[in-house]
Amino acid sequence: MYKRQGLNVYKKRRADELAKFGYVAMAVYSYSNGRKADNLQDAGALATPFYTNMPMTKEYFDRALKVLKNSAKAESNNVAAVGYYF
């Protein structure tokens, strides 16, 4: 199994660590419909639309940002991002 892909243990742990510092943390899985890659070739195929269709990529992350900003615990004007993308 290709272990570096997707929302893995490391990324979840980093979100948990941010939460311990008092931040509202959200880990976003980048591939839609829960698809996962088992190897580098499949990971590349899943990632390609995000590189080649910037409007789609922006829309995807804008939706995630909206979820975060609408959280009762989040300060909607005080948001930052940490990226572990692809």
C-alpha atoms as a PDB file:
ATOM      1  CA  MET A   1       0.000   0.000   0.000  1.00  0.00           C
ATOM      2  CA  TYR A   2       1.211   3.469  -0.867  1.00  0.00           C
ATOM      3  CA  LYS A   3       1.263   4.983   2.629  1.00  0.00           C
ATOM      4  CA  ARG A   4       1.947   8.679   2.011  1.00  0.00           C
ATOM      5  CA  GLN A   5      -1.353   9.390   0.317  1.00  0.00           C
ATOM      6  CA  GLY A   6      -4.437  11.019   1.631  1.00  0.00           C
ATOM      7  CA  LEU A   7      -5.490  11.857   5.130  1.00  0.00           C
ATOM      8  CA  ASN A   8      -3.027   9.723   7.029  1.00  0.00           C
ATOM      9  CA  VAL A   9      -2.150   9.328  10.707  1.00  0.00           C
ATOM     10  CA  TYR A  10       0.516  12.045  10.570  1.00  0.00           C
ATOM     11  CA  LYS A  11      -1.855  14.680   9.194  1.00  0.00           C
ATOM     12  CA  LYS A  12      -4.555  13.779  11.709  1.00  0.00           C
ATOM     13  CA  ARG A  13      -2.014  13.970  14.533  1.00  0.00           C
ATOM     14  CA  ARG A  14      -0.895  17.428  13.385  1.00  0.00           C
ATOM     15  CA  ALA A  15      -4.512  18.654  13.456  1.00  0.00           C
ATOM     16  CA  ASP A  16      -4.873  17.210  16.968  1.00  0.00           C
ATOM     17  CA  GLU A  17      -1.670  19.007  18.043  1.00  0.00           C
ATOM     18  CA  LEU A  18      -2.995  22.337  16.744  1.00  0.00           C
ATOM     19  CA  ALA A  19      -6.237  21.747  18.626  1.00  0.00           C
ATOM     20  CA  LYS A  20      -4.262  21.218  21.848  1.00  0.00           C
ATOM     21  CA  PHE A  21      -2.878  24.745  21.384  1.00  0.00           C
ATOM     22  CA  GLY A  22      -6.431  26.074  21.271  1.00  0.00           C
ATOM     23  CA  TYR A  23      -6.888  26.278  17.512  1.00  0.00           C
ATOM     24  CA  VAL A  24      -9.911  24.918  15.709  1.00  0.00           C
ATOM     25  CA  ALA A  25      -8.271  22.391  13.403  1.00  0.00           C
ATOM     26  CA  MET A  26      -9.697  20.606  10.402  1.00  0.00           C
ATOM     27  CA  ALA A  27      -7.944  17.992   8.287  1.00  0.00           C
ATOM     28  CA  VAL A  28      -9.275  17.863   4.728  1.00  0.00           C
ATOM     29  CA  TYR A  29      -9.020  14.765   2.577  1.00  0.00           C
ATOM     30  CA  SER A  30      -8.086  15.977  -0.877  1.00  0.00           C
ATOM     31  CA  TYR A  31      -9.617  13.274  -3.078  1.00  0.00           C
ATOM     32  CA  SER A  32     -13.358  13.331  -3.500  1.00  0.00           C
ATOM     33  CA  ASN A  33     -15.631  10.397  -2.775  1.00  0.00           C
ATOM     34  CA  GLY A  34     -13.099   8.786  -0.448  1.00  0.00           C
ATOM     35  CA  ARG A  35     -10.941   7.429  -3.258  1.00  0.00           C
ATOM     36  CA  LYS A  36      -7.483   6.319  -2.138  1.00  0.00           C
ATOM     37  CA  ALA A  37      -4.332   5.490  -4.044  1.00  0.00           C
ATOM     38  CA  ASP A  38      -2.463   2.229  -3.535  1.00  0.00           C
ATOM     39  CA  ASN A  39       0.619   3.348  -5.479  1.00  0.00           C
ATOM     40  CA  LEU A  40       2.347   6.427  -6.903  1.00  0.00           C
ATOM     41  CA  GLN A  41       0.779   6.025 -10.338  1.00  0.00           C
ATOM     42  CA  ASP A  42      -2.756   5.970  -8.915  1.00  0.00           C
ATOM     43  CA  ALA A  43      -1.924   8.876  -6.576  1.00  0.00           C
ATOM     44  CA  GLY A  44      -0.787  10.897  -9.591  1.00  0.00           C
ATOM     45  CA  ALA A  45      -3.967  10.088 -11.480  1.00  0.00           C
ATOM     46  CA  LEU A  46      -6.107  11.201  -8.527  1.00  0.00           C
ATOM     47  CA  ALA A  47      -4.075  14.390  -8.009  1.00  0.00           C
ATOM     48  CA  THR A  48      -3.929  15.473 -11.666  1.00  0.00           C
ATOM     49  CA  PRO A  49      -7.390  17.124 -11.766  1.00  0.00           C
ATOM     50  CA  PHE A  50      -6.378  19.323  -8.831  1.00  0.00           C
ATOM     51  CA  TYR A  51      -3.323  20.547 -10.763  1.00  0.00           C
ATOM     52  CA  THR A  52      -5.019  20.968 -14.125  1.00  0.00           C
ATOM     53  CA  ASN A  53      -8.342  22.471 -13.040  1.00  0.00           C
ATOM     54  CA  MET A  54      -7.599  25.361 -10.708  1.00  0.00           C
ATOM     55  CA  PRO A  55     -11.222  26.597 -10.558  1.00  0.00           C
ATOM     56  CA  MET A  56     -12.281  23.136  -9.330  1.00  0.00           C
ATOM     57  CA  THR A  57      -9.431  23.076  -6.806  1.00  0.00           C
ATOM     58  CA  LYS A  58     -10.338  26.533  -5.500  1.00  0.00           C
ATOM     59  CA  GLU A  59     -14.008  25.573  -5.225  1.00  0.00           C
ATOM     60  CA  TYR A  60     -13.080  22.419  -3.297  1.00  0.00           C
ATOM     61  CA  PHE A  61     -11.034  24.327  -0.749  1.00  0.00           C
ATOM     62  CA  ASP A  62     -13.493  27.212  -0.568  1.00  0.00           C
ATOM     63  CA  ARG A  63     -16.131  24.677   0.508  1.00  0.00           C
ATOM     64  CA  ALA A  64     -13.796  23.317   3.199  1.00  0.00           C
ATOM     65  CA  LEU A  65     -13.013  26.863   4.370  1.00  0.00           C
ATOM     66  CA  LYS A  66     -16.727  27.642   4.567  1.00  0.00           C
ATOM     67  CA  VAL A  67     -17.287  24.593   6.787  1.00  0.00           C
ATOM     68  CA  LEU A  68     -14.475  25.734   9.047  1.00  0.00           C
ATOM     69  CA  LYS A  69     -15.620  29.358   9.222  1.00  0.00           C
ATOM     70  CA  ASN A  70     -19.173  28.271  10.024  1.00  0.00           C
ATOM     71  CA  SER A  71     -17.994  26.212  12.979  1.00  0.00           C
ATOM     72  CA  ALA A  72     -19.324  27.644  16.232  1.00  0.00           C
ATOM     73  CA  LYS A  73     -15.816  27.361  17.704  1.00  0.00           C
ATOM     74  CA  ALA A  74     -13.963  29.141  14.888  1.00  0.00           C
ATOM     75  CA  GLU A  75     -13.268  32.854  14.582  1.00  0.00           C
ATOM     76  CA  SER A  76     -14.239  33.385  10.951  1.00  0.00           C
ATOM     77  CA  ASN A  77     -11.916  36.382  10.535  1.00  0.00           C
ATOM     78  CA  ASN A  78      -8.924  34.654  12.079  1.00  0.00           C
ATOM     79  CA  VAL A  79      -8.149  31.621   9.903  1.00  0.00           C
ATOM     80  CA  ALA A  80      -4.873  30.122   8.706  1.00  0.00           C
ATOM     81  CA  ALA A  81      -3.947  27.046   6.672  1.00  0.00           C
ATOM     82  CA  VAL A  82      -1.215  24.446   6.916  1.00  0.00           C
ATOM     83  CA  GLY A  83      -0.770  22.425   3.757  1.00  0.00           C
ATOM     84  CA  TYR A  84       0.267  18.819   3.302  1.00  0.00           C
ATOM     85  CA  TYR A  85      -1.117  18.694  -0.172  1.00  0.00           C
ATOM     86  CA  PHE A  86      -0.098  15.877  -2.494  1.00  0.00           C
END
